Amino acid sequence: MNNNLLFDFTVNKEEKSIEIKREFKASRELVWKAWTTPELLDKWWAPKPYHIKTKFLDLKVDGTWLYAMVSPEGEKMWCKADYKAIETNELLSWLDAFCDENGIDNNGKPSSFYTINFTVNNNITTANITLKHDNLEDIEMIIAMGFKEGFSMAISNLDELLLTLN
């Protein structure tokens, strides 16, 4: 991770949310492309040594991104993002859930409602990310599952990818 770029991770108990602010030294269009293109998401979304394998991504409101997080041993943990709002280069929102390989919720783990606003200032793109939850227990569960560490590692992967694409 580039230590000169902002990475702020906050749990907001009153709002039952996780708020992340992260800067990238890349154009907003390139950062957007990395968040919305399956071939690029597959390169950065999972913390190493895991990787992502997209089954399909239909980037439209009510569309879905269905993907597996694949362990080094080849075990797959399926997840999906059901898109709720899309404003190209500015806003991306989805309901994230664990599921089976067909996109059917199946394990009782908490869902997260992601909203990401992309802004740019002085050639630095900022992703303002909010994950809303139904209750505080859901936040505690995903934190206990290693969300903060895993997301931090994935964002480092994104930094590396953006350097190759710039």
N, C-alpha and C. Protein backbone atom coordinates (compact mmCIF):
# COMPACT_ATOMS: atom_id res chain seq x y z
N MET A 1 0.84 -1.17 0.00
CA MET A 1 0.00 0.00 0.00
C MET A 1 0.89 1.23 0.00
N ASN A 2 0.48 2.23 -0.76
CA ASN A 2 1.21 3.49 -0.79
C ASN A 2 0.90 4.26 0.49
N ASN A 3 1.89 4.43 1.36
CA ASN A 3 1.67 5.06 2.66
C ASN A 3 1.34 6.55 2.56
N ASN A 4 1.54 7.15 1.38
CA ASN A 4 1.21 8.56 1.21
C ASN A 4 -0.27 8.77 0.90
N LEU A 5 -1.01 7.70 0.67
CA LEU A 5 -2.42 7.81 0.31
C LEU A 5 -3.29 7.46 1.51
N LEU A 6 -4.36 8.21 1.67
CA LEU A 6 -5.27 8.05 2.79
C LEU A 6 -5.94 6.68 2.77
N PHE A 7 -5.97 6.03 3.93
CA PHE A 7 -6.78 4.83 4.14
C PHE A 7 -7.35 4.95 5.54
N ASP A 8 -8.64 5.29 5.60
CA ASP A 8 -9.31 5.50 6.88
C ASP A 8 -10.43 4.46 7.00
N PHE A 9 -10.43 3.71 8.09
CA PHE A 9 -11.40 2.63 8.33
C PHE A 9 -12.06 2.89 9.68
N THR A 10 -13.37 3.13 9.67
CA THR A 10 -14.08 3.48 10.89
C THR A 10 -15.36 2.65 11.02
N VAL A 11 -15.63 2.16 12.22
CA VAL A 11 -16.91 1.52 12.51
C VAL A 11 -17.80 2.57 13.16
N ASN A 12 -18.94 2.84 12.54
CA ASN A 12 -19.90 3.80 13.06
C ASN A 12 -21.05 3.02 13.70
N LYS A 13 -20.98 2.86 15.01
CA LYS A 13 -21.97 2.03 15.72
C LYS A 13 -23.37 2.61 15.63
N GLU A 14 -23.49 3.93 15.70
CA GLU A 14 -24.82 4.55 15.64
C GLU A 14 -25.50 4.30 14.30
N GLU A 15 -24.73 4.34 13.23
CA GLU A 15 -25.29 4.13 11.89
C GLU A 15 -25.26 2.66 11.46
N LYS A 16 -24.69 1.80 12.30
CA LYS A 16 -24.54 0.38 11.97
C LYS A 16 -23.83 0.22 10.62
N SER A 17 -22.68 0.89 10.53
CA SER A 17 -21.96 0.89 9.26
C SER A 17 -20.45 0.86 9.47
N ILE A 18 -19.78 0.49 8.40
CA ILE A 18 -18.33 0.60 8.31
C ILE A 18 -18.08 1.66 7.25
N GLU A 19 -17.23 2.62 7.56
CA GLU A 19 -16.94 3.70 6.63
C GLU A 19 -15.45 3.67 6.32
N ILE A 20 -15.17 3.62 5.03
CA ILE A 20 -13.79 3.54 4.56
C ILE A 20 -13.56 4.67 3.56
N LYS A 21 -12.49 5.37 3.75
CA LYS A 21 -12.09 6.40 2.78
C LYS A 21 -10.71 6.02 2.30
N ARG A 22 -10.56 5.89 0.97
CA ARG A 22 -9.29 5.44 0.41
C ARG A 22 -8.94 6.24 -0.82
N GLU A 23 -7.73 6.75 -0.87
CA GLU A 23 -7.23 7.49 -2.02
C GLU A 23 -6.42 6.57 -2.94
N PHE A 24 -6.48 6.89 -4.25
CA PHE A 24 -5.71 6.17 -5.26
C PHE A 24 -5.05 7.18 -6.18
N LYS A 25 -3.79 6.91 -6.53
CA LYS A 25 -3.08 7.78 -7.46
C LYS A 25 -3.34 7.28 -8.87
N ALA A 26 -4.59 7.53 -9.32
CA ALA A 26 -5.04 7.12 -10.65
C ALA A 26 -6.28 7.93 -11.00
N SER A 27 -6.58 7.97 -12.26
CA SER A 27 -7.77 8.72 -12.68
C SER A 27 -9.04 8.05 -12.16
N ARG A 28 -10.08 8.83 -12.01
CA ARG A 28 -11.36 8.29 -11.55
C ARG A 28 -11.88 7.24 -12.53
N GLU A 29 -11.67 7.48 -13.82
CA GLU A 29 -12.13 6.53 -14.83
C GLU A 29 -11.42 5.18 -14.69
N LEU A 30 -10.13 5.22 -14.39
CA LEU A 30 -9.37 3.97 -14.24
C LEU A 30 -9.77 3.24 -12.95
N VAL A 31 -9.95 3.98 -11.87
CA VAL A 31 -10.40 3.36 -10.61
C VAL A 31 -11.78 2.75 -10.81
N TRP A 32 -12.67 3.47 -11.47
CA TRP A 32 -14.01 2.95 -11.76
C TRP A 32 -13.92 1.65 -12.56
N LYS A 33 -13.10 1.66 -13.59
CA LYS A 33 -12.93 0.47 -14.43
C LYS A 33 -12.46 -0.73 -13.60
N ALA A 34 -11.55 -0.48 -12.65
CA ALA A 34 -11.05 -1.57 -11.79
C ALA A 34 -12.14 -2.13 -10.89
N TRP A 35 -13.13 -1.31 -10.51
CA TRP A 35 -14.23 -1.75 -9.64
C TRP A 35 -15.38 -2.37 -10.42
N THR A 36 -15.37 -2.26 -11.76
CA THR A 36 -16.55 -2.68 -12.53
C THR A 36 -16.26 -3.64 -13.68
N THR A 37 -15.02 -4.00 -13.89
CA THR A 37 -14.65 -4.88 -14.99
C THR A 37 -14.22 -6.23 -14.43
N PRO A 38 -14.90 -7.32 -14.84
CA PRO A 38 -14.62 -8.62 -14.22
C PRO A 38 -13.16 -9.05 -14.32
N GLU A 39 -12.52 -8.83 -15.46
CA GLU A 39 -11.12 -9.25 -15.61
C GLU A 39 -10.21 -8.50 -14.65
N LEU A 40 -10.55 -7.26 -14.33
CA LEU A 40 -9.74 -6.49 -13.39
C LEU A 40 -10.09 -6.84 -11.95
N LEU A 41 -11.38 -6.98 -11.64
CA LEU A 41 -11.79 -7.39 -10.29
C LEU A 41 -11.13 -8.71 -9.90
N ASP A 42 -11.06 -9.63 -10.86
CA ASP A 42 -10.44 -10.93 -10.59
C ASP A 42 -8.97 -10.81 -10.17
N LYS A 43 -8.33 -9.70 -10.54
CA LYS A 43 -6.91 -9.51 -10.23
C LYS A 43 -6.67 -8.89 -8.86
N TRP A 44 -7.70 -8.28 -8.24
CA TRP A 44 -7.41 -7.56 -7.00
C TRP A 44 -8.39 -7.78 -5.87
N TRP A 45 -9.60 -8.20 -6.09
CA TRP A 45 -10.64 -8.17 -5.06
C TRP A 45 -10.34 -9.07 -3.86
N ALA A 46 -9.64 -10.14 -4.02
CA ALA A 46 -9.38 -11.07 -2.91
C ALA A 46 -8.01 -10.82 -2.27
N PRO A 47 -7.92 -11.03 -0.95
CA PRO A 47 -6.60 -10.94 -0.31
C PRO A 47 -5.76 -12.16 -0.71
N LYS A 48 -4.48 -11.91 -1.00
CA LYS A 48 -3.58 -13.01 -1.35
C LYS A 48 -3.39 -13.90 -0.13
N PRO A 49 -3.31 -15.20 -0.28
CA PRO A 49 -3.07 -15.98 -1.50
C PRO A 49 -4.37 -16.40 -2.22
N TYR A 50 -5.52 -15.89 -1.78
CA TYR A 50 -6.78 -16.19 -2.46
C TYR A 50 -6.84 -15.40 -3.77
N HIS A 51 -7.75 -15.82 -4.66
CA HIS A 51 -8.03 -15.05 -5.85
C HIS A 51 -9.53 -15.16 -6.15
N ILE A 52 -9.98 -14.28 -7.02
CA ILE A 52 -11.39 -14.23 -7.40
C ILE A 52 -11.55 -14.83 -8.78
N LYS A 53 -12.63 -15.55 -8.97
CA LYS A 53 -13.02 -16.06 -10.28
C LYS A 53 -14.46 -15.61 -10.52
N THR A 54 -14.66 -14.69 -11.44
CA THR A 54 -15.99 -14.20 -11.76
C THR A 54 -16.71 -15.22 -12.62
N LYS A 55 -17.92 -15.58 -12.22
CA LYS A 55 -18.78 -16.43 -13.04
C LYS A 55 -19.51 -15.56 -14.06
N PHE A 56 -20.06 -14.42 -13.60
CA PHE A 56 -20.62 -13.43 -14.51
C PHE A 56 -20.77 -12.10 -13.78
N LEU A 57 -20.77 -11.04 -14.56
CA LEU A 57 -20.99 -9.69 -14.04
C LEU A 57 -21.89 -8.97 -15.02
N ASP A 58 -23.06 -8.55 -14.54
CA ASP A 58 -24.03 -7.81 -15.34
C ASP A 58 -24.17 -6.44 -14.68
N LEU A 59 -23.34 -5.48 -15.15
CA LEU A 59 -23.25 -4.16 -14.52
C LEU A 59 -24.41 -3.28 -14.97
N LYS A 60 -25.52 -3.40 -14.26
CA LYS A 60 -26.68 -2.55 -14.46
C LYS A 60 -27.50 -2.62 -13.17
N VAL A 61 -28.37 -1.64 -12.97
CA VAL A 61 -29.25 -1.69 -11.80
C VAL A 61 -30.08 -2.97 -11.90
N ASP A 62 -30.13 -3.71 -10.81
CA ASP A 62 -30.76 -5.04 -10.70
C ASP A 62 -29.93 -6.13 -11.37
N GLY A 63 -28.74 -5.81 -11.84
CA GLY A 63 -27.82 -6.81 -12.36
C GLY A 63 -27.02 -7.41 -11.20
N THR A 64 -26.24 -8.43 -11.49
CA THR A 64 -25.51 -9.16 -10.45
C THR A 64 -24.08 -9.45 -10.89
N TRP A 65 -23.18 -9.41 -9.91
CA TRP A 65 -21.83 -9.93 -10.07
C TRP A 65 -21.77 -11.18 -9.20
N LEU A 66 -21.57 -12.33 -9.81
CA LEU A 66 -21.44 -13.60 -9.09
C LEU A 66 -20.01 -14.08 -9.24
N TYR A 67 -19.37 -14.33 -8.08
CA TYR A 67 -17.96 -14.69 -8.11
C TYR A 67 -17.64 -15.64 -6.96
N ALA A 68 -16.53 -16.32 -7.11
CA ALA A 68 -16.03 -17.20 -6.06
C ALA A 68 -14.69 -16.67 -5.57
N MET A 69 -14.51 -16.69 -4.25
CA MET A 69 -13.19 -16.46 -3.68
C MET A 69 -12.56 -17.84 -3.58
N VAL A 70 -11.44 -18.02 -4.26
CA VAL A 70 -10.82 -19.33 -4.40
C VAL A 70 -9.57 -19.41 -3.53
N SER A 71 -9.52 -20.42 -2.67
CA SER A 71 -8.36 -20.61 -1.79
C SER A 71 -7.21 -21.23 -2.58
N PRO A 72 -6.00 -21.21 -2.02
CA PRO A 72 -4.87 -21.85 -2.70
C PRO A 72 -5.11 -23.35 -2.96
N GLU A 73 -5.97 -23.97 -2.14
CA GLU A 73 -6.29 -25.39 -2.33
C GLU A 73 -7.43 -25.61 -3.32
N GLY A 74 -7.98 -24.52 -3.86
CA GLY A 74 -9.05 -24.63 -4.85
C GLY A 74 -10.45 -24.61 -4.27
N GLU A 75 -10.59 -24.43 -2.94
CA GLU A 75 -11.92 -24.34 -2.34
C GLU A 75 -12.55 -23.01 -2.72
N LYS A 76 -13.86 -23.02 -2.98
CA LYS A 76 -14.55 -21.82 -3.42
C LYS A 76 -15.58 -21.38 -2.39
N MET A 77 -15.55 -20.07 -2.08
CA MET A 77 -16.58 -19.44 -1.26
C MET A 77 -17.30 -18.46 -2.18
N TRP A 78 -18.57 -18.73 -2.47
CA TRP A 78 -19.33 -17.94 -3.44
C TRP A 78 -19.93 -16.70 -2.79
N CYS A 79 -19.92 -15.62 -3.56
CA CYS A 79 -20.50 -14.34 -3.14
C CYS A 79 -21.18 -13.70 -4.34
N LYS A 80 -22.06 -12.76 -4.02
CA LYS A 80 -22.70 -12.02 -5.11
C LYS A 80 -22.90 -10.57 -4.69
N ALA A 81 -22.93 -9.73 -5.70
CA ALA A 81 -23.24 -8.32 -5.53
C ALA A 81 -24.46 -8.05 -6.41
N ASP A 82 -25.57 -7.66 -5.79
CA ASP A 82 -26.77 -7.27 -6.52
C ASP A 82 -26.78 -5.75 -6.62
N TYR A 83 -26.55 -5.23 -7.83
CA TYR A 83 -26.39 -3.79 -8.02
C TYR A 83 -27.70 -3.04 -7.81
N LYS A 84 -27.62 -1.93 -7.05
CA LYS A 84 -28.80 -1.12 -6.71
C LYS A 84 -28.75 0.26 -7.34
N ALA A 85 -27.54 0.83 -7.50
CA ALA A 85 -27.39 2.15 -8.11
C ALA A 85 -26.04 2.22 -8.83
N ILE A 86 -26.05 2.82 -10.00
CA ILE A 86 -24.84 2.97 -10.80
C ILE A 86 -24.88 4.33 -11.49
N GLU A 87 -23.86 5.12 -11.24
CA GLU A 87 -23.66 6.38 -11.97
C GLU A 87 -22.21 6.34 -12.42
N THR A 88 -21.99 6.08 -13.68
CA THR A 88 -20.66 5.84 -14.21
C THR A 88 -19.64 6.85 -13.70
N ASN A 89 -18.54 6.30 -13.17
CA ASN A 89 -17.40 7.05 -12.63
C ASN A 89 -17.70 7.80 -11.34
N GLU A 90 -18.93 7.73 -10.82
CA GLU A 90 -19.27 8.51 -9.63
C GLU A 90 -19.83 7.70 -8.47
N LEU A 91 -20.71 6.75 -8.74
CA LEU A 91 -21.41 6.04 -7.67
C LEU A 91 -21.65 4.59 -8.06
N LEU A 92 -21.40 3.71 -7.10
CA LEU A 92 -21.66 2.29 -7.28
C LEU A 92 -22.23 1.77 -5.97
N SER A 93 -23.36 1.07 -6.04
CA SER A 93 -24.01 0.57 -4.83
C SER A 93 -24.54 -0.83 -5.09
N TRP A 94 -24.32 -1.72 -4.09
CA TRP A 94 -24.81 -3.09 -4.24
C TRP A 94 -25.04 -3.73 -2.89
N LEU A 95 -25.87 -4.78 -2.90
CA LEU A 95 -26.07 -5.62 -1.73
C LEU A 95 -25.17 -6.82 -1.90
N ASP A 96 -24.25 -7.00 -0.97
CA ASP A 96 -23.25 -8.07 -1.01
C ASP A 96 -23.69 -9.19 -0.10
N ALA A 97 -23.65 -10.42 -0.60
CA ALA A 97 -24.10 -11.55 0.21
C ALA A 97 -23.30 -12.81 -0.14
N PHE A 98 -23.13 -13.67 0.85
CA PHE A 98 -22.59 -15.00 0.61
C PHE A 98 -23.71 -15.83 -0.01
N CYS A 99 -23.33 -16.76 -0.90
CA CYS A 99 -24.35 -17.52 -1.63
C CYS A 99 -23.75 -18.84 -2.11
N ASP A 100 -24.54 -19.58 -2.88
CA ASP A 100 -24.01 -20.78 -3.52
C ASP A 100 -23.59 -20.42 -4.95
N GLU A 101 -23.13 -21.39 -5.71
CA GLU A 101 -22.60 -21.13 -7.06
C GLU A 101 -23.67 -20.65 -8.04
N ASN A 102 -24.94 -20.73 -7.64
CA ASN A 102 -26.03 -20.24 -8.48
C ASN A 102 -26.57 -18.89 -8.00
N GLY A 103 -25.93 -18.31 -6.99
CA GLY A 103 -26.34 -17.01 -6.50
C GLY A 103 -27.46 -17.04 -5.47
N ILE A 104 -27.75 -18.22 -4.93
CA ILE A 104 -28.81 -18.36 -3.93
C ILE A 104 -28.20 -18.20 -2.53
N ASP A 105 -28.72 -17.23 -1.75
CA ASP A 105 -28.25 -17.06 -0.37
C ASP A 105 -28.44 -18.38 0.36
N ASN A 106 -27.40 -18.80 1.11
CA ASN A 106 -27.52 -20.13 1.68
C ASN A 106 -26.85 -20.36 3.03
N ASN A 107 -26.28 -19.33 3.64
CA ASN A 107 -25.53 -19.70 4.83
C ASN A 107 -25.76 -18.83 6.06
N GLY A 108 -26.68 -17.89 6.01
CA GLY A 108 -26.99 -17.10 7.19
C GLY A 108 -25.94 -16.09 7.61
N LYS A 109 -24.89 -15.92 6.83
CA LYS A 109 -23.89 -14.90 7.15
C LYS A 109 -24.45 -13.53 6.77
N PRO A 110 -23.98 -12.48 7.44
CA PRO A 110 -24.56 -11.16 7.18
C PRO A 110 -24.28 -10.63 5.78
N SER A 111 -25.24 -9.85 5.30
CA SER A 111 -25.08 -9.12 4.05
C SER A 111 -24.61 -7.71 4.37
N SER A 112 -23.93 -7.11 3.41
CA SER A 112 -23.47 -5.73 3.54
C SER A 112 -24.02 -4.93 2.37
N PHE A 113 -24.52 -3.74 2.65
CA PHE A 113 -24.99 -2.86 1.59
C PHE A 113 -23.90 -1.82 1.33
N TYR A 114 -23.20 -2.00 0.21
CA TYR A 114 -22.09 -1.13 -0.17
C TYR A 114 -22.59 0.10 -0.93
N THR A 115 -22.04 1.25 -0.60
CA THR A 115 -22.19 2.45 -1.42
C THR A 115 -20.80 3.07 -1.54
N ILE A 116 -20.40 3.30 -2.79
CA ILE A 116 -19.08 3.88 -3.04
C ILE A 116 -19.26 5.12 -3.89
N ASN A 117 -18.77 6.23 -3.38
CA ASN A 117 -18.73 7.49 -4.13
C ASN A 117 -17.29 7.74 -4.54
N PHE A 118 -17.09 8.00 -5.83
CA PHE A 118 -15.76 8.26 -6.37
C PHE A 118 -15.63 9.75 -6.66
N THR A 119 -14.62 10.39 -6.07
CA THR A 119 -14.35 11.80 -6.33
C THR A 119 -12.89 11.95 -6.72
N VAL A 120 -12.57 13.08 -7.32
CA VAL A 120 -11.19 13.32 -7.73
C VAL A 120 -10.79 14.74 -7.34
N ASN A 121 -9.53 14.87 -6.90
CA ASN A 121 -8.97 16.16 -6.54
C ASN A 121 -7.45 16.09 -6.75
N ASN A 122 -6.91 16.96 -7.57
CA ASN A 122 -5.46 17.00 -7.82
C ASN A 122 -4.91 15.64 -8.27
N ASN A 123 -5.58 15.00 -9.20
CA ASN A 123 -5.16 13.71 -9.77
C ASN A 123 -5.17 12.57 -8.76
N ILE A 124 -5.85 12.75 -7.64
CA ILE A 124 -6.03 11.69 -6.65
C ILE A 124 -7.52 11.35 -6.63
N THR A 125 -7.83 10.09 -6.84
CA THR A 125 -9.22 9.63 -6.78
C THR A 125 -9.48 9.08 -5.39
N THR A 126 -10.57 9.51 -4.80
CA THR A 126 -10.97 9.02 -3.48
C THR A 126 -12.22 8.16 -3.62
N ALA A 127 -12.16 6.98 -3.03
CA ALA A 127 -13.33 6.12 -2.92
C ALA A 127 -13.84 6.25 -1.48
N ASN A 128 -15.04 6.80 -1.34
CA ASN A 128 -15.71 6.88 -0.04
C ASN A 128 -16.68 5.70 0.01
N ILE A 129 -16.36 4.73 0.84
CA ILE A 129 -17.07 3.45 0.87
C ILE A 129 -17.83 3.33 2.18
N THR A 130 -19.12 3.03 2.08
CA THR A 130 -19.92 2.77 3.27
C THR A 130 -20.55 1.40 3.13
N LEU A 131 -20.41 0.58 4.19
CA LEU A 131 -21.07 -0.72 4.26
C LEU A 131 -22.09 -0.63 5.39
N LYS A 132 -23.36 -0.66 5.02
CA LYS A 132 -24.45 -0.61 6.01
C LYS A 132 -24.88 -2.02 6.36
N HIS A 133 -25.29 -2.19 7.63
CA HIS A 133 -25.72 -3.49 8.12
C HIS A 133 -27.02 -3.36 8.90
N ASP A 134 -27.70 -4.48 9.07
CA ASP A 134 -28.97 -4.48 9.80
C ASP A 134 -28.78 -4.26 11.28
N ASN A 135 -27.64 -4.73 11.81
CA ASN A 135 -27.41 -4.60 13.25
C ASN A 135 -25.91 -4.64 13.54
N LEU A 136 -25.57 -4.24 14.75
CA LEU A 136 -24.17 -4.19 15.17
C LEU A 136 -23.54 -5.58 15.21
N GLU A 137 -24.32 -6.60 15.53
CA GLU A 137 -23.80 -7.98 15.57
C GLU A 137 -23.27 -8.41 14.21
N ASP A 138 -23.94 -7.97 13.12
CA ASP A 138 -23.46 -8.32 11.78
C ASP A 138 -22.09 -7.71 11.51
N ILE A 139 -21.90 -6.46 11.94
CA ILE A 139 -20.59 -5.82 11.78
C ILE A 139 -19.54 -6.57 12.57
N GLU A 140 -19.87 -6.90 13.82
CA GLU A 140 -18.92 -7.64 14.65
C GLU A 140 -18.55 -8.97 14.02
N MET A 141 -19.52 -9.64 13.38
CA MET A 141 -19.25 -10.93 12.75
C MET A 141 -18.30 -10.78 11.55
N ILE A 142 -18.54 -9.79 10.69
CA ILE A 142 -17.65 -9.67 9.54
C ILE A 142 -16.26 -9.18 9.94
N ILE A 143 -16.19 -8.36 10.99
CA ILE A 143 -14.87 -7.95 11.50
C ILE A 143 -14.14 -9.18 12.05
N ALA A 144 -14.86 -10.04 12.79
CA ALA A 144 -14.25 -11.26 13.34
C ALA A 144 -13.82 -12.22 12.23
N MET A 145 -14.51 -12.17 11.08
CA MET A 145 -14.15 -13.02 9.93
C MET A 145 -12.91 -12.48 9.20
N GLY A 146 -12.39 -11.31 9.64
CA GLY A 146 -11.17 -10.77 9.04
C GLY A 146 -11.41 -9.75 7.95
N PHE A 147 -12.60 -9.13 7.93
CA PHE A 147 -12.92 -8.19 6.85
C PHE A 147 -11.90 -7.06 6.74
N LYS A 148 -11.57 -6.42 7.85
CA LYS A 148 -10.66 -5.27 7.78
C LYS A 148 -9.31 -5.67 7.18
N GLU A 149 -8.73 -6.74 7.66
CA GLU A 149 -7.43 -7.19 7.16
C GLU A 149 -7.53 -7.62 5.69
N GLY A 150 -8.57 -8.39 5.37
CA GLY A 150 -8.75 -8.85 3.99
C GLY A 150 -8.99 -7.71 3.02
N PHE A 151 -9.83 -6.76 3.42
CA PHE A 151 -10.12 -5.62 2.55
C PHE A 151 -8.86 -4.77 2.37
N SER A 152 -8.09 -4.59 3.43
CA SER A 152 -6.84 -3.83 3.34
C SER A 152 -5.88 -4.49 2.36
N MET A 153 -5.78 -5.81 2.40
CA MET A 153 -4.89 -6.53 1.48
C MET A 153 -5.40 -6.41 0.05
N ALA A 154 -6.72 -6.50 -0.14
CA ALA A 154 -7.28 -6.36 -1.48
C ALA A 154 -7.01 -4.97 -2.05
N ILE A 155 -7.16 -3.95 -1.22
CA ILE A 155 -6.89 -2.58 -1.66
C ILE A 155 -5.42 -2.43 -2.05
N SER A 156 -4.51 -3.08 -1.34
CA SER A 156 -3.10 -3.08 -1.74
C SER A 156 -2.93 -3.73 -3.11
N ASN A 157 -3.68 -4.82 -3.35
CA ASN A 157 -3.66 -5.44 -4.69
C ASN A 157 -4.12 -4.45 -5.75
N LEU A 158 -5.16 -3.66 -5.41
CA LEU A 158 -5.67 -2.66 -6.36
C LEU A 158 -4.60 -1.61 -6.64
N ASP A 159 -3.89 -1.17 -5.61
CA ASP A 159 -2.78 -0.21 -5.82
C ASP A 159 -1.80 -0.77 -6.85
N GLU A 160 -1.39 -2.02 -6.67
CA GLU A 160 -0.43 -2.65 -7.58
C GLU A 160 -0.99 -2.72 -9.00
N LEU A 161 -2.27 -3.10 -9.12
CA LEU A 161 -2.89 -3.21 -10.44
C LEU A 161 -2.95 -1.84 -11.13
N LEU A 162 -3.35 -0.81 -10.39
CA LEU A 162 -3.45 0.52 -10.97
C LEU A 162 -2.11 1.01 -11.50
N LEU A 163 -1.03 0.67 -10.80
CA LEU A 163 0.31 1.04 -11.29
C LEU A 163 0.60 0.42 -12.65
N THR A 164 0.15 -0.80 -12.88
CA THR A 164 0.38 -1.47 -14.16
C THR A 164 -0.52 -0.93 -15.26
N LEU A 165 -1.65 -0.33 -14.88
CA LEU A 165 -2.60 0.16 -15.88
C LEU A 165 -2.38 1.63 -16.22
N ASN A 166 -1.70 2.37 -15.35
CA ASN A 166 -1.48 3.81 -15.59
C ASN A 166 -0.56 4.06 -16.76
